[in-house]
């Protein structure tokens, strides 16, 4: 699955840019607080699926990686290789989080 955040950043760069700037929105807004709670649950569920744990650091690591990729894509610093797409690039990057067995 391609993290929707990367696709959202590419297709809605202006919205993505303000999502993480609390000086431009009301951080205590009830809908925002609820959405933040749902987002945290998705991150924890993703960490459980990928790593077998809901550890906050694992979830934060995954979110940081995806957010960084989304920011780089939004800013035009990273693009998929010719003949591929954003979903393929995102899958490859997030796959790198999966630990590989020791040889």
PDB file of N, CA and C in Angstrom:
ATOM      1  N   UNK A   1       0.840  -1.183   0.000  1.00  0.00           N
ATOM      2  CA  UNK A   1       0.000   0.000   0.000  1.00  0.00           C
ATOM      3  C   UNK A   1       0.878   1.236   0.000  1.00  0.00           C
ATOM      4  N   UNK A   2       0.539   2.188  -0.811  1.00  0.00           N
ATOM      5  CA  UNK A   2       1.268   3.452  -0.844  1.00  0.00           C
ATOM      6  C   UNK A   2       0.735   4.362   0.250  1.00  0.00           C
ATOM      7  N   UNK A   3       1.617   4.872   1.099  1.00  0.00           N
ATOM      8  CA  UNK A   3       1.122   5.814   2.103  1.00  0.00           C
ATOM      9  C   UNK A   3       0.414   6.990   1.447  1.00  0.00           C
ATOM     10  N   UNK A   4      -0.856   7.202   1.806  1.00  0.00           N
ATOM     11  CA  UNK A   4      -1.628   8.282   1.195  1.00  0.00           C
ATOM     12  C   UNK A   4      -0.987   9.654   1.382  1.00  0.00           C
ATOM     13  N   UNK A   5      -0.186   9.825   2.414  1.00  0.00           N
ATOM     14  CA  UNK A   5       0.422  11.128   2.666  1.00  0.00           C
ATOM     15  C   UNK A   5       1.295  11.574   1.496  1.00  0.00           C
ATOM     16  N   UNK A   6       2.019  10.657   0.896  1.00  0.00           N
ATOM     17  CA  UNK A   6       2.902  11.010  -0.226  1.00  0.00           C
ATOM     18  C   UNK A   6       2.072  11.434  -1.438  1.00  0.00           C
ATOM     19  N   UNK A   7       1.025  10.683  -1.717  1.00  0.00           N
ATOM     20  CA  UNK A   7       0.158  11.044  -2.845  1.00  0.00           C
ATOM     21  C   UNK A   7      -0.553  12.369  -2.570  1.00  0.00           C
ATOM     22  N   UNK A   8      -0.981  12.582  -1.329  1.00  0.00           N
ATOM     23  CA  UNK A   8      -1.642  13.832  -0.966  1.00  0.00           C
ATOM     24  C   UNK A   8      -0.689  15.010  -1.142  1.00  0.00           C
ATOM     25  N   UNK A   9       0.553  14.857  -0.698  1.00  0.00           N
ATOM     26  CA  UNK A   9       1.534  15.943  -0.824  1.00  0.00           C
ATOM     27  C   UNK A   9       1.776  16.298  -2.282  1.00  0.00           C
ATOM     28  N   UNK A  10       1.809  15.284  -3.135  1.00  0.00           N
ATOM     29  CA  UNK A  10       2.057  15.529  -4.559  1.00  0.00           C
ATOM     30  C   UNK A  10       0.861  16.190  -5.235  1.00  0.00           C
ATOM     31  N   UNK A  11      -0.345  15.814  -4.831  1.00  0.00           N
ATOM     32  CA  UNK A  11      -1.528  16.337  -5.513  1.00  0.00           C
ATOM     33  C   UNK A  11      -2.136  17.572  -4.846  1.00  0.00           C
ATOM     34  N   UNK A  12      -1.787  17.824  -3.583  1.00  0.00           N
ATOM     35  CA  UNK A  12      -2.309  18.985  -2.846  1.00  0.00           C
ATOM     36  C   UNK A  12      -1.176  19.662  -2.073  1.00  0.00           C
ATOM     37  N   UNK A  13      -0.165  20.174  -2.760  1.00  0.00           N
ATOM     38  CA  UNK A  13       1.003  20.707  -2.054  1.00  0.00           C
ATOM     39  C   UNK A  13       0.689  21.839  -1.082  1.00  0.00           C
ATOM     40  N   UNK A  14      -0.259  22.695  -1.414  1.00  0.00           N
ATOM     41  CA  UNK A  14      -0.602  23.793  -0.517  1.00  0.00           C
ATOM     42  C   UNK A  14      -1.220  23.303   0.782  1.00  0.00           C
ATOM     43  N   UNK A  15      -2.146  22.357   0.671  1.00  0.00           N
ATOM     44  CA  UNK A  15      -2.770  21.795   1.867  1.00  0.00           C
ATOM     45  C   UNK A  15      -1.739  21.056   2.716  1.00  0.00           C
ATOM     46  N   UNK A  16      -0.893  20.276   2.052  1.00  0.00           N
ATOM     47  CA  UNK A  16       0.140  19.530   2.778  1.00  0.00           C
ATOM     48  C   UNK A  16       1.049  20.493   3.541  1.00  0.00           C
ATOM     49  N   UNK A  17       1.380  21.600   2.923  1.00  0.00           N
ATOM     50  CA  UNK A  17       2.299  22.559   3.541  1.00  0.00           C
ATOM     51  C   UNK A  17       1.780  23.122   4.850  1.00  0.00           C
ATOM     52  N   UNK A  18       0.470  23.323   4.953  1.00  0.00           N
ATOM     53  CA  UNK A  18      -0.054  23.921   6.192  1.00  0.00           C
ATOM     54  C   UNK A  18      -0.448  22.894   7.240  1.00  0.00           C
ATOM     55  N   UNK A  19      -0.490  21.629   6.892  1.00  0.00           N
ATOM     56  CA  UNK A  19      -0.911  20.597   7.846  1.00  0.00           C
ATOM     57  C   UNK A  19      -0.046  20.549   9.102  1.00  0.00           C
ATOM     58  N   UNK A  20       1.185  20.899   8.984  1.00  0.00           N
ATOM     59  CA  UNK A  20       2.123  20.767  10.101  1.00  0.00           C
ATOM     60  C   UNK A  20       2.624  22.133  10.566  1.00  0.00           C
ATOM     61  N   UNK A  21       1.795  23.152  10.389  1.00  0.00           N
ATOM     62  CA  UNK A  21       2.147  24.509  10.807  1.00  0.00           C
ATOM     63  C   UNK A  21       1.069  25.025  11.751  1.00  0.00           C
ATOM     64  N   UNK A  22       1.188  24.711  13.043  1.00  0.00           N
ATOM     65  CA  UNK A  22       0.129  25.081  13.980  1.00  0.00           C
ATOM     66  C   UNK A  22      -0.108  26.579  14.106  1.00  0.00           C
ATOM     67  N   UNK A  23       0.771  27.386  13.568  1.00  0.00           N
ATOM     68  CA  UNK A  23       0.538  28.830  13.603  1.00  0.00           C
ATOM     69  C   UNK A  23      -0.506  29.279  12.579  1.00  0.00           C
ATOM     70  N   UNK A  24      -0.959  28.377  11.708  1.00  0.00           N
ATOM     71  CA  UNK A  24      -1.957  28.752  10.704  1.00  0.00           C
ATOM     72  C   UNK A  24      -3.296  28.021  10.894  1.00  0.00           C
ATOM     73  N   UNK A  25      -3.442  27.275  11.970  1.00  0.00           N
ATOM     74  CA  UNK A  25      -4.721  26.636  12.267  1.00  0.00           C
ATOM     75  C   UNK A  25      -4.940  26.596  13.774  1.00  0.00           C
ATOM     76  N   UNK A  26      -6.158  26.265  14.190  1.00  0.00           N
ATOM     77  CA  UNK A  26      -6.499  26.188  15.604  1.00  0.00           C
ATOM     78  C   UNK A  26      -6.214  24.779  16.114  1.00  0.00           C
ATOM     79  N   UNK A  27      -5.148  24.608  16.854  1.00  0.00           N
ATOM     80  CA  UNK A  27      -4.724  23.298  17.332  1.00  0.00           C
ATOM     81  C   UNK A  27      -5.725  22.656  18.293  1.00  0.00           C
ATOM     82  N   UNK A  28      -6.627  23.448  18.879  1.00  0.00           N
ATOM     83  CA  UNK A  28      -7.599  22.902  19.828  1.00  0.00           C
ATOM     84  C   UNK A  28      -8.947  22.599  19.180  1.00  0.00           C
ATOM     85  N   UNK A  29      -9.051  22.785  17.879  1.00  0.00           N
ATOM     86  CA  UNK A  29     -10.291  22.498  17.161  1.00  0.00           C
ATOM     87  C   UNK A  29     -10.673  21.034  17.377  1.00  0.00           C
ATOM     88  N   UNK A  30     -11.915  20.782  17.754  1.00  0.00           N
ATOM     89  CA  UNK A  30     -12.364  19.424  18.081  1.00  0.00           C
ATOM     90  C   UNK A  30     -12.185  18.451  16.911  1.00  0.00           C
ATOM     91  N   UNK A  31     -12.485  18.887  15.697  1.00  0.00           N
ATOM     92  CA  UNK A  31     -12.327  18.010  14.533  1.00  0.00           C
ATOM     93  C   UNK A  31     -10.856  17.696  14.283  1.00  0.00           C
ATOM     94  N   UNK A  32     -10.005  18.685  14.488  1.00  0.00           N
ATOM     95  CA  UNK A  32      -8.575  18.470  14.315  1.00  0.00           C
ATOM     96  C   UNK A  32      -8.042  17.492  15.365  1.00  0.00           C
ATOM     97  N   UNK A  33      -8.449  17.677  16.598  1.00  0.00           N
ATOM     98  CA  UNK A  33      -8.011  16.778  17.676  1.00  0.00           C
ATOM     99  C   UNK A  33      -8.464  15.346  17.379  1.00  0.00           C
ATOM    100  N   UNK A  34      -9.696  15.180  16.916  1.00  0.00           N
ATOM    101  CA  UNK A  34     -10.196  13.850  16.572  1.00  0.00           C
ATOM    102  C   UNK A  34      -9.408  13.251  15.404  1.00  0.00           C
ATOM    103  N   UNK A  35      -9.140  14.062  14.388  1.00  0.00           N
ATOM    104  CA  UNK A  35      -8.366  13.577  13.235  1.00  0.00           C
ATOM    105  C   UNK A  35      -6.963  13.183  13.651  1.00  0.00           C
ATOM    106  N   UNK A  36      -6.372  13.951  14.551  1.00  0.00           N
ATOM    107  CA  UNK A  36      -5.031  13.626  15.034  1.00  0.00           C
ATOM    108  C   UNK A  36      -5.046  12.278  15.768  1.00  0.00           C
ATOM    109  N   UNK A  37      -6.081  12.030  16.544  1.00  0.00           N
ATOM    110  CA  UNK A  37      -6.211  10.751  17.238  1.00  0.00           C
ATOM    111  C   UNK A  37      -6.333   9.590  16.261  1.00  0.00           C
ATOM    112  N   UNK A  38      -7.130   9.780  15.201  1.00  0.00           N
ATOM    113  CA  UNK A  38      -7.265   8.726  14.187  1.00  0.00           C
ATOM    114  C   UNK A  38      -5.936   8.489  13.476  1.00  0.00           C
ATOM    115  N   UNK A  39      -5.221   9.559  13.206  1.00  0.00           N
ATOM    116  CA  UNK A  39      -3.917   9.436  12.544  1.00  0.00           C
ATOM    117  C   UNK A  39      -2.941   8.655  13.416  1.00  0.00           C
ATOM    118  N   UNK A  40      -2.913   8.958  14.697  1.00  0.00           N
ATOM    119  CA  UNK A  40      -2.028   8.226  15.608  1.00  0.00           C
ATOM    120  C   UNK A  40      -2.373   6.742  15.636  1.00  0.00           C
ATOM    121  N   UNK A  41      -3.669   6.426  15.593  1.00  0.00           N
ATOM    122  CA  UNK A  41      -4.081   5.020  15.572  1.00  0.00           C
ATOM    123  C   UNK A  41      -3.601   4.333  14.298  1.00  0.00           C
ATOM    124  N   UNK A  42      -3.692   5.031  13.162  1.00  0.00           N
ATOM    125  CA  UNK A  42      -3.218   4.466  11.891  1.00  0.00           C
ATOM    126  C   UNK A  42      -1.708   4.213  11.966  1.00  0.00           C
ATOM    127  N   UNK A  43      -0.966   5.155  12.531  1.00  0.00           N
ATOM    128  CA  UNK A  43       0.485   4.988  12.654  1.00  0.00           C
ATOM    129  C   UNK A  43       0.821   3.792  13.532  1.00  0.00           C
ATOM    130  N   UNK A  44       0.138   3.665  14.650  1.00  0.00           N
ATOM    131  CA  UNK A  44       0.385   2.526  15.547  1.00  0.00           C
ATOM    132  C   UNK A  44       0.002   1.211  14.879  1.00  0.00           C
ATOM    133  N   UNK A  45      -1.125   1.190  14.163  1.00  0.00           N
ATOM    134  CA  UNK A  45      -1.531  -0.023  13.452  1.00  0.00           C
ATOM    135  C   UNK A  45      -0.517  -0.392  12.379  1.00  0.00           C
ATOM    136  N   UNK A  46      -0.001   0.622  11.692  1.00  0.00           N
ATOM    137  CA  UNK A  46       1.030   0.370  10.683  1.00  0.00           C
ATOM    138  C   UNK A  46       2.297  -0.185  11.294  1.00  0.00           C
ATOM    139  N   UNK A  47       2.687   0.341  12.446  1.00  0.00           N
ATOM    140  CA  UNK A  47       3.877  -0.175  13.136  1.00  0.00           C
ATOM    141  C   UNK A  47       3.643  -1.621  13.570  1.00  0.00           C
ATOM    142  N   UNK A  48       2.424  -1.908  14.032  1.00  0.00           N
ATOM    143  CA  UNK A  48       2.112  -3.282  14.444  1.00  0.00           C
ATOM    144  C   UNK A  48       2.198  -4.217  13.245  1.00  0.00           C
ATOM    145  N   UNK A  49       1.628  -3.796  12.110  1.00  0.00           N
ATOM    146  CA  UNK A  49       1.642  -4.638  10.909  1.00  0.00           C
ATOM    147  C   UNK A  49       3.060  -4.837  10.385  1.00  0.00           C
ATOM    148  N   UNK A  50       3.873  -3.794  10.405  1.00  0.00           N
ATOM    149  CA  UNK A  50       5.214  -3.862   9.819  1.00  0.00           C
ATOM    150  C   UNK A  50       6.235  -4.475  10.765  1.00  0.00           C
ATOM    151  N   UNK A  51       6.131  -4.120  12.057  1.00  0.00           N
ATOM    152  CA  UNK A  51       7.173  -4.516  13.001  1.00  0.00           C
ATOM    153  C   UNK A  51       6.695  -5.443  14.108  1.00  0.00           C
ATOM    154  N   UNK A  52       5.385  -5.704  14.184  1.00  0.00           N
ATOM    155  CA  UNK A  52       4.862  -6.551  15.240  1.00  0.00           C
ATOM    156  C   UNK A  52       4.793  -5.857  16.593  1.00  0.00           C
ATOM    157  N   UNK A  53       4.805  -4.535  16.605  1.00  0.00           N
ATOM    158  CA  UNK A  53       4.749  -3.772  17.840  1.00  0.00           C
ATOM    159  C   UNK A  53       4.045  -2.452  17.596  1.00  0.00           C
ATOM    160  N   UNK A  54       3.475  -1.874  18.640  1.00  0.00           N
ATOM    161  CA  UNK A  54       2.877  -0.544  18.517  1.00  0.00           C
ATOM    162  C   UNK A  54       3.805   0.493  19.140  1.00  0.00           C
ATOM    163  N   UNK A  55       5.046   0.128  19.287  1.00  0.00           N
ATOM    164  CA  UNK A  55       6.044   1.013  19.876  1.00  0.00           C
ATOM    165  C   UNK A  55       6.003   2.394  19.223  1.00  0.00           C
ATOM    166  N   UNK A  56       5.938   3.438  20.038  1.00  0.00           N
ATOM    167  CA  UNK A  56       5.839   4.811  19.535  1.00  0.00           C
ATOM    168  C   UNK A  56       7.034   5.188  18.662  1.00  0.00           C
ATOM    169  N   UNK A  57       8.217   4.750  19.031  1.00  0.00           N
ATOM    170  CA  UNK A  57       9.412   5.101  18.259  1.00  0.00           C
ATOM    171  C   UNK A  57       9.369   4.464  16.877  1.00  0.00           C
ATOM    172  N   UNK A  58       8.908   3.225  16.782  1.00  0.00           N
ATOM    173  CA  UNK A  58       8.783   2.595  15.453  1.00  0.00           C
ATOM    174  C   UNK A  58       7.779   3.357  14.597  1.00  0.00           C
ATOM    175  N   UNK A  59       6.640   3.716  15.200  1.00  0.00           N
ATOM    176  CA  UNK A  59       5.622   4.469  14.448  1.00  0.00           C
ATOM    177  C   UNK A  59       6.169   5.826  14.025  1.00  0.00           C
ATOM    178  N   UNK A  60       6.883   6.496  14.911  1.00  0.00           N
ATOM    179  CA  UNK A  60       7.458   7.800  14.591  1.00  0.00           C
ATOM    180  C   UNK A  60       8.529   7.686  13.505  1.00  0.00           C
ATOM    181  N   UNK A  61       9.294   6.620  13.541  1.00  0.00           N
ATOM    182  CA  UNK A  61      10.302   6.380  12.502  1.00  0.00           C
ATOM    183  C   UNK A  61       9.644   6.244  11.136  1.00  0.00           C
ATOM    184  N   UNK A  62       8.597   5.439  11.075  1.00  0.00           N
ATOM    185  CA  UNK A  62       7.896   5.244   9.801  1.00  0.00           C
ATOM    186  C   UNK A  62       7.264   6.546   9.320  1.00  0.00           C
ATOM    187  N   UNK A  63       6.618   7.274  10.234  1.00  0.00           N
ATOM    188  CA  UNK A  63       5.979   8.536   9.861  1.00  0.00           C
ATOM    189  C   UNK A  63       7.022   9.538   9.380  1.00  0.00           C
ATOM    190  N   UNK A  64       8.152   9.599  10.074  1.00  0.00           N
ATOM    191  CA  UNK A  64       9.209  10.535   9.683  1.00  0.00           C
ATOM    192  C   UNK A  64       9.716  10.229   8.278  1.00  0.00           C
ATOM    193  N   UNK A  65       9.901   8.961   7.993  1.00  0.00           N
ATOM    194  CA  UNK A  65      10.379   8.572   6.671  1.00  0.00           C
ATOM    195  C   UNK A  65       9.368   8.961   5.589  1.00  0.00           C
ATOM    196  N   UNK A  66       8.105   8.630   5.820  1.00  0.00           N
ATOM    197  CA  UNK A  66       7.075   8.927   4.822  1.00  0.00           C
ATOM    198  C   UNK A  66       6.867  10.435   4.692  1.00  0.00           C
ATOM    199  N   UNK A  67       6.865  11.148   5.807  1.00  0.00           N
ATOM    200  CA  UNK A  67       6.706  12.605   5.760  1.00  0.00           C
ATOM    201  C   UNK A  67       7.883  13.242   5.018  1.00  0.00           C
ATOM    202  N   UNK A  68       9.084  12.761   5.276  1.00  0.00           N
ATOM    203  CA  UNK A  68      10.252  13.282   4.577  1.00  0.00           C
ATOM    204  C   UNK A  68      10.157  13.054   3.082  1.00  0.00           C
ATOM    205  N   UNK A  69       9.754  11.847   2.686  1.00  0.00           N
ATOM    206  CA  UNK A  69       9.587  11.557   1.261  1.00  0.00           C
ATOM    207  C   UNK A  69       8.498  12.445   0.665  1.00  0.00           C
ATOM    208  N   UNK A  70       7.386  12.598   1.384  1.00  0.00           N
ATOM    209  CA  UNK A  70       6.302  13.444   0.896  1.00  0.00           C
ATOM    210  C   UNK A  70       6.779  14.883   0.694  1.00  0.00           C
ATOM    211  N   UNK A  71       7.568  15.384   1.622  1.00  0.00           N
ATOM    212  CA  UNK A  71       8.085  16.747   1.520  1.00  0.00           C
ATOM    213  C   UNK A  71       9.034  16.874   0.329  1.00  0.00           C
ATOM    214  N   UNK A  72       9.901  15.908   0.150  1.00  0.00           N
ATOM    215  CA  UNK A  72      10.835  15.937  -0.980  1.00  0.00           C
ATOM    216  C   UNK A  72      10.102  15.875  -2.315  1.00  0.00           C
ATOM    217  N   UNK A  73       9.064  15.048  -2.382  1.00  0.00           N
ATOM    218  CA  UNK A  73       8.265  14.961  -3.611  1.00  0.00           C
ATOM    219  C   UNK A  73       7.534  16.275  -3.856  1.00  0.00           C
ATOM    220  N   UNK A  74       6.901  16.810  -2.817  1.00  0.00           N
ATOM    221  CA  UNK A  74       6.173  18.075  -2.947  1.00  0.00           C
ATOM    222  C   UNK A  74       7.080  19.189  -3.458  1.00  0.00           C
ATOM    223  N   UNK A  75       8.308  19.230  -2.942  1.00  0.00           N
ATOM    224  CA  UNK A  75       9.239  20.298  -3.303  1.00  0.00           C
ATOM    225  C   UNK A  75       9.956  20.050  -4.624  1.00  0.00           C
ATOM    226  N   UNK A  76       9.730  18.899  -5.243  1.00  0.00           N
ATOM    227  CA  UNK A  76      10.356  18.598  -6.524  1.00  0.00           C
ATOM    228  C   UNK A  76      11.792  18.113  -6.419  1.00  0.00           C
ATOM    229  N   UNK A  77      12.234  17.801  -5.193  1.00  0.00           N
ATOM    230  CA  UNK A  77      13.609  17.337  -5.010  1.00  0.00           C
ATOM    231  C   UNK A  77      13.766  15.856  -5.341  1.00  0.00           C
ATOM    232  N   UNK A  78      12.667  15.114  -5.309  1.00  0.00           N
ATOM    233  CA  UNK A  78      12.680  13.684  -5.614  1.00  0.00           C
ATOM    234  C   UNK A  78      11.509  13.397  -6.540  1.00  0.00           C
ATOM    235  N   UNK A  79      11.762  12.572  -7.537  1.00  0.00           N
ATOM    236  CA  UNK A  79      10.705  12.145  -8.457  1.00  0.00           C
ATOM    237  C   UNK A  79      10.940  10.681  -8.797  1.00  0.00           C
ATOM    238  N   UNK A  80       9.889   9.987  -9.187  1.00  0.00           N
ATOM    239  CA  UNK A  80      10.079   8.591  -9.602  1.00  0.00           C
ATOM    240  C   UNK A  80      11.001   8.512 -10.816  1.00  0.00           C
ATOM    241  N   UNK A  81      11.679   7.400 -10.940  1.00  0.00           N
ATOM    242  CA  UNK A  81      12.514   7.157 -12.120  1.00  0.00           C
ATOM    243  C   UNK A  81      11.624   7.103 -13.359  1.00  0.00           C
ATOM    244  N   UNK A  82      12.163   7.461 -14.513  1.00  0.00           N
ATOM    245  CA  UNK A  82      11.373   7.356 -15.748  1.00  0.00           C
ATOM    246  C   UNK A  82      10.818   5.936 -15.908  1.00  0.00           C
ATOM    247  N   UNK A  83       9.575   5.847 -16.291  1.00  0.00           N
ATOM    248  CA  UNK A  83       8.939   4.549 -16.491  1.00  0.00           C
ATOM    249  C   UNK A  83       8.328   3.969 -15.229  1.00  0.00           C
ATOM    250  N   UNK A  84       8.467   4.659 -14.086  1.00  0.00           N
ATOM    251  CA  UNK A  84       7.840   4.194 -12.851  1.00  0.00           C
ATOM    252  C   UNK A  84       6.879   5.287 -12.370  1.00  0.00           C
ATOM    253  N   UNK A  85       6.286   5.051 -11.228  1.00  0.00           N
ATOM    254  CA  UNK A  85       5.347   6.036 -10.698  1.00  0.00           C
ATOM    255  C   UNK A  85       5.615   6.283  -9.223  1.00  0.00           C
ATOM    256  N   UNK A  86       4.870   7.220  -8.682  1.00  0.00           N
ATOM    257  CA  UNK A  86       5.048   7.608  -7.287  1.00  0.00           C
ATOM    258  C   UNK A  86       4.738   6.452  -6.334  1.00  0.00           C
ATOM    259  N   UNK A  87       3.740   5.656  -6.679  1.00  0.00           N
ATOM    260  CA  UNK A  87       3.422   4.507  -5.831  1.00  0.00           C
ATOM    261  C   UNK A  87       4.592   3.531  -5.759  1.00  0.00           C
ATOM    262  N   UNK A  88       5.224   3.255  -6.878  1.00  0.00           N
ATOM    263  CA  UNK A  88       6.373   2.342  -6.894  1.00  0.00           C
ATOM    264  C   UNK A  88       7.519   2.890  -6.062  1.00  0.00           C
ATOM    265  N   UNK A  89       7.792   4.176  -6.216  1.00  0.00           N
ATOM    266  CA  UNK A  89       8.857   4.802  -5.439  1.00  0.00           C
ATOM    267  C   UNK A  89       8.555   4.716  -3.947  1.00  0.00           C
ATOM    268  N   UNK A  90       7.328   5.038  -3.568  1.00  0.00           N
ATOM    269  CA  UNK A  90       6.959   5.023  -2.156  1.00  0.00           C
ATOM    270  C   UNK A  90       7.028   3.620  -1.580  1.00  0.00           C
ATOM    271  N   UNK A  91       6.544   2.643  -2.324  1.00  0.00           N
ATOM    272  CA  UNK A  91       6.633   1.244  -1.863  1.00  0.00           C
ATOM    273  C   UNK A  91       8.088   0.839  -1.645  1.00  0.00           C
ATOM    274  N   UNK A  92       8.966   1.206  -2.570  1.00  0.00           N
ATOM    275  CA  UNK A  92      10.380   0.844  -2.443  1.00  0.00           C
ATOM    276  C   UNK A  92      11.015   1.493  -1.211  1.00  0.00           C
ATOM    277  N   UNK A  93      10.698   2.760  -0.989  1.00  0.00           N
ATOM    278  CA  UNK A  93      11.274   3.473   0.156  1.00  0.00           C
ATOM    279  C   UNK A  93      10.753   2.892   1.465  1.00  0.00           C
ATOM    280  N   UNK A  94       9.443   2.675   1.557  1.00  0.00           N
ATOM    281  CA  UNK A  94       8.892   2.151   2.810  1.00  0.00           C
ATOM    282  C   UNK A  94       9.313   0.692   3.025  1.00  0.00           C
ATOM    283  N   UNK A  95       9.529  -0.037   1.965  1.00  0.00           N
ATOM    284  CA  UNK A  95      10.002  -1.427   2.104  1.00  0.00           C
ATOM    285  C   UNK A  95      11.373  -1.463   2.785  1.00  0.00           C
ATOM    286  N   UNK A  96      12.142  -0.415   2.587  1.00  0.00           N
ATOM    287  CA  UNK A  96      13.475  -0.362   3.194  1.00  0.00           C
ATOM    288  C   UNK A  96      13.392  -0.346   4.730  1.00  0.00           C
ATOM    289  N   UNK A  97      12.222  -0.048   5.301  1.00  0.00           N
ATOM    290  CA  UNK A  97      12.055  -0.106   6.752  1.00  0.00           C
ATOM    291  C   UNK A  97      11.976  -1.522   7.286  1.00  0.00           C
ATOM    292  N   UNK A  98      11.668  -2.477   6.405  1.00  0.00           N
ATOM    293  CA  UNK A  98      11.541  -3.850   6.843  1.00  0.00           C
ATOM    294  C   UNK A  98      12.915  -4.436   7.125  1.00  0.00           C
ATOM    295  N   UNK A  99      13.113  -4.886   8.355  1.00  0.00           N
ATOM    296  CA  UNK A  99      14.418  -5.480   8.657  1.00  0.00           C
ATOM    297  C   UNK A  99      14.689  -6.693   7.787  1.00  0.00           C
ATOM    298  N   UNK A 100      15.908  -6.815   7.330  1.00  0.00           N
ATOM    299  CA  UNK A 100      16.295  -7.983   6.553  1.00  0.00           C
ATOM    300  C   UNK A 100      16.973  -8.991   7.477  1.00  0.00           C
ATOM    301  N   UNK A 101      16.728 -10.279   7.246  1.00  0.00           N
ATOM    302  CA  UNK A 101      17.353 -11.298   8.097  1.00  0.00           C
ATOM    303  C   UNK A 101      18.879 -11.236   7.987  1.00  0.00           C
ATOM    304  N   UNK A 102      19.541 -11.470   9.103  1.00  0.00           N
ATOM    305  CA  UNK A 102      21.002 -11.501   9.104  1.00  0.00           C
ATOM    306  C   UNK A 102      21.488 -12.709   8.312  1.00  0.00           C
ATOM    307  N   UNK A 103      22.544 -12.504   7.552  1.00  0.00           N
ATOM    308  CA  UNK A 103      23.086 -13.608   6.748  1.00  0.00           C
ATOM    309  C   UNK A 103      24.006 -14.472   7.569  1.00  0.00           C
TER     310      UNK A 103
END
